N, C-alpha and C. Protein backbone atom coordinates (compact mmCIF):
# COMPACT_ATOMS: atom_id res chain seq x y z
N MET A 1 1.22 -7.25 0.99
CA MET A 1 0.05 -6.67 1.64
C MET A 1 0.20 -5.15 1.69
N ILE A 2 -0.91 -4.48 1.54
CA ILE A 2 -0.93 -3.03 1.70
C ILE A 2 -1.94 -2.69 2.79
N LYS A 3 -1.72 -1.60 3.46
CA LYS A 3 -2.63 -1.13 4.49
C LYS A 3 -3.32 0.12 3.98
N ILE A 4 -4.64 0.16 4.13
CA ILE A 4 -5.44 1.31 3.74
C ILE A 4 -5.98 1.94 5.03
N THR A 5 -5.73 3.22 5.21
CA THR A 5 -6.27 3.95 6.35
C THR A 5 -7.44 4.78 5.86
N PHE A 6 -8.59 4.57 6.47
CA PHE A 6 -9.82 5.25 6.07
C PHE A 6 -10.00 6.54 6.87
N PRO A 7 -10.86 7.44 6.39
CA PRO A 7 -11.04 8.73 7.06
C PRO A 7 -11.43 8.61 8.54
N ASP A 8 -12.12 7.51 8.91
CA ASP A 8 -12.50 7.36 10.32
C ASP A 8 -11.37 6.82 11.19
N GLY A 9 -10.18 6.59 10.57
CA GLY A 9 -9.02 6.12 11.30
C GLY A 9 -8.85 4.61 11.29
N SER A 10 -9.87 3.87 10.81
CA SER A 10 -9.74 2.42 10.75
C SER A 10 -8.74 2.03 9.66
N VAL A 11 -8.11 0.88 9.85
CA VAL A 11 -7.09 0.40 8.91
C VAL A 11 -7.46 -1.01 8.50
N ARG A 12 -7.40 -1.27 7.19
CA ARG A 12 -7.62 -2.62 6.66
C ARG A 12 -6.42 -3.00 5.81
N GLU A 13 -6.12 -4.30 5.79
CA GLU A 13 -5.03 -4.81 4.96
C GLU A 13 -5.60 -5.54 3.76
N TYR A 14 -4.97 -5.34 2.61
CA TYR A 14 -5.38 -5.97 1.35
C TYR A 14 -4.15 -6.51 0.65
N GLU A 15 -4.36 -7.50 -0.23
CA GLU A 15 -3.29 -8.03 -1.05
C GLU A 15 -2.82 -6.96 -2.03
N SER A 16 -1.54 -6.95 -2.37
CA SER A 16 -1.02 -6.02 -3.38
C SER A 16 -1.74 -6.28 -4.69
N GLY A 17 -1.98 -5.22 -5.44
CA GLY A 17 -2.63 -5.32 -6.73
C GLY A 17 -4.13 -5.13 -6.70
N ILE A 18 -4.71 -4.97 -5.51
CA ILE A 18 -6.15 -4.75 -5.41
C ILE A 18 -6.50 -3.40 -6.01
N THR A 19 -7.65 -3.31 -6.64
CA THR A 19 -8.07 -2.06 -7.25
C THR A 19 -8.91 -1.25 -6.27
N PRO A 20 -9.01 0.07 -6.51
CA PRO A 20 -9.90 0.88 -5.65
C PRO A 20 -11.35 0.37 -5.67
N PHE A 21 -11.80 -0.12 -6.83
CA PHE A 21 -13.17 -0.64 -6.91
C PHE A 21 -13.33 -1.88 -6.03
N GLN A 22 -12.35 -2.76 -6.01
CA GLN A 22 -12.41 -3.95 -5.16
C GLN A 22 -12.42 -3.58 -3.68
N ILE A 23 -11.68 -2.55 -3.33
CA ILE A 23 -11.70 -2.07 -1.94
C ILE A 23 -13.09 -1.56 -1.61
N ALA A 24 -13.67 -0.78 -2.51
CA ALA A 24 -15.04 -0.27 -2.29
C ALA A 24 -16.02 -1.43 -2.14
N GLU A 25 -15.89 -2.47 -2.97
CA GLU A 25 -16.76 -3.64 -2.86
C GLU A 25 -16.62 -4.33 -1.51
N SER A 26 -15.40 -4.35 -0.97
CA SER A 26 -15.18 -5.01 0.32
C SER A 26 -15.86 -4.25 1.46
N ILE A 27 -16.08 -2.96 1.25
CA ILE A 27 -16.77 -2.14 2.25
C ILE A 27 -18.28 -2.37 2.15
N SER A 28 -18.80 -2.28 0.92
CA SER A 28 -20.23 -2.45 0.69
C SER A 28 -20.49 -2.47 -0.81
N PRO A 29 -21.30 -3.41 -1.29
CA PRO A 29 -21.65 -3.40 -2.72
C PRO A 29 -22.34 -2.10 -3.14
N ARG A 30 -23.15 -1.56 -2.26
CA ARG A 30 -23.83 -0.28 -2.56
C ARG A 30 -22.80 0.84 -2.71
N PHE A 31 -21.84 0.89 -1.82
CA PHE A 31 -20.77 1.89 -1.88
C PHE A 31 -20.01 1.75 -3.20
N ALA A 32 -19.69 0.53 -3.57
CA ALA A 32 -18.96 0.29 -4.83
C ALA A 32 -19.75 0.81 -6.02
N ALA A 33 -21.06 0.63 -5.99
CA ALA A 33 -21.91 1.10 -7.09
C ALA A 33 -21.94 2.62 -7.18
N ASP A 34 -21.70 3.29 -6.05
CA ASP A 34 -21.76 4.75 -6.00
C ASP A 34 -20.41 5.44 -6.18
N VAL A 35 -19.32 4.67 -6.18
CA VAL A 35 -17.98 5.26 -6.26
C VAL A 35 -17.77 5.93 -7.62
N LEU A 36 -17.28 7.16 -7.60
CA LEU A 36 -17.01 7.89 -8.83
C LEU A 36 -15.52 8.08 -9.08
N ALA A 37 -14.74 8.19 -8.00
CA ALA A 37 -13.31 8.47 -8.15
C ALA A 37 -12.56 7.95 -6.92
N ALA A 38 -11.25 7.80 -7.10
CA ALA A 38 -10.40 7.37 -5.99
C ALA A 38 -9.04 8.04 -6.13
N LYS A 39 -8.36 8.18 -5.00
CA LYS A 39 -6.99 8.71 -4.98
C LYS A 39 -6.11 7.73 -4.24
N VAL A 40 -4.89 7.54 -4.74
CA VAL A 40 -3.90 6.70 -4.07
C VAL A 40 -2.67 7.56 -3.85
N ASN A 41 -2.32 7.71 -2.59
CA ASN A 41 -1.19 8.58 -2.22
C ASN A 41 -1.33 9.97 -2.85
N GLY A 42 -2.57 10.48 -2.84
CA GLY A 42 -2.82 11.82 -3.34
C GLY A 42 -2.96 11.94 -4.84
N GLN A 43 -2.85 10.83 -5.57
CA GLN A 43 -2.97 10.88 -7.03
C GLN A 43 -4.26 10.20 -7.47
N ASP A 44 -4.95 10.82 -8.44
CA ASP A 44 -6.16 10.22 -8.98
C ASP A 44 -5.82 8.90 -9.64
N CYS A 45 -6.75 7.93 -9.55
CA CYS A 45 -6.54 6.65 -10.22
C CYS A 45 -7.86 6.18 -10.81
N ASN A 46 -7.78 5.27 -11.74
CA ASN A 46 -8.97 4.73 -12.39
C ASN A 46 -9.67 3.75 -11.48
N ILE A 47 -10.98 3.74 -11.57
CA ILE A 47 -11.79 2.82 -10.77
C ILE A 47 -12.03 1.56 -11.55
């Protein structure tokens, strides 16, 4: 399990291996459709 801390301070747990796009989908399908980029531990990653 990994924990993701969001800018508003909320924390969600996800299974290891989840992609940034899947995390965006779990928040909102509309948000996932609008996502352009993601960073993991300060490094850019593919969506």
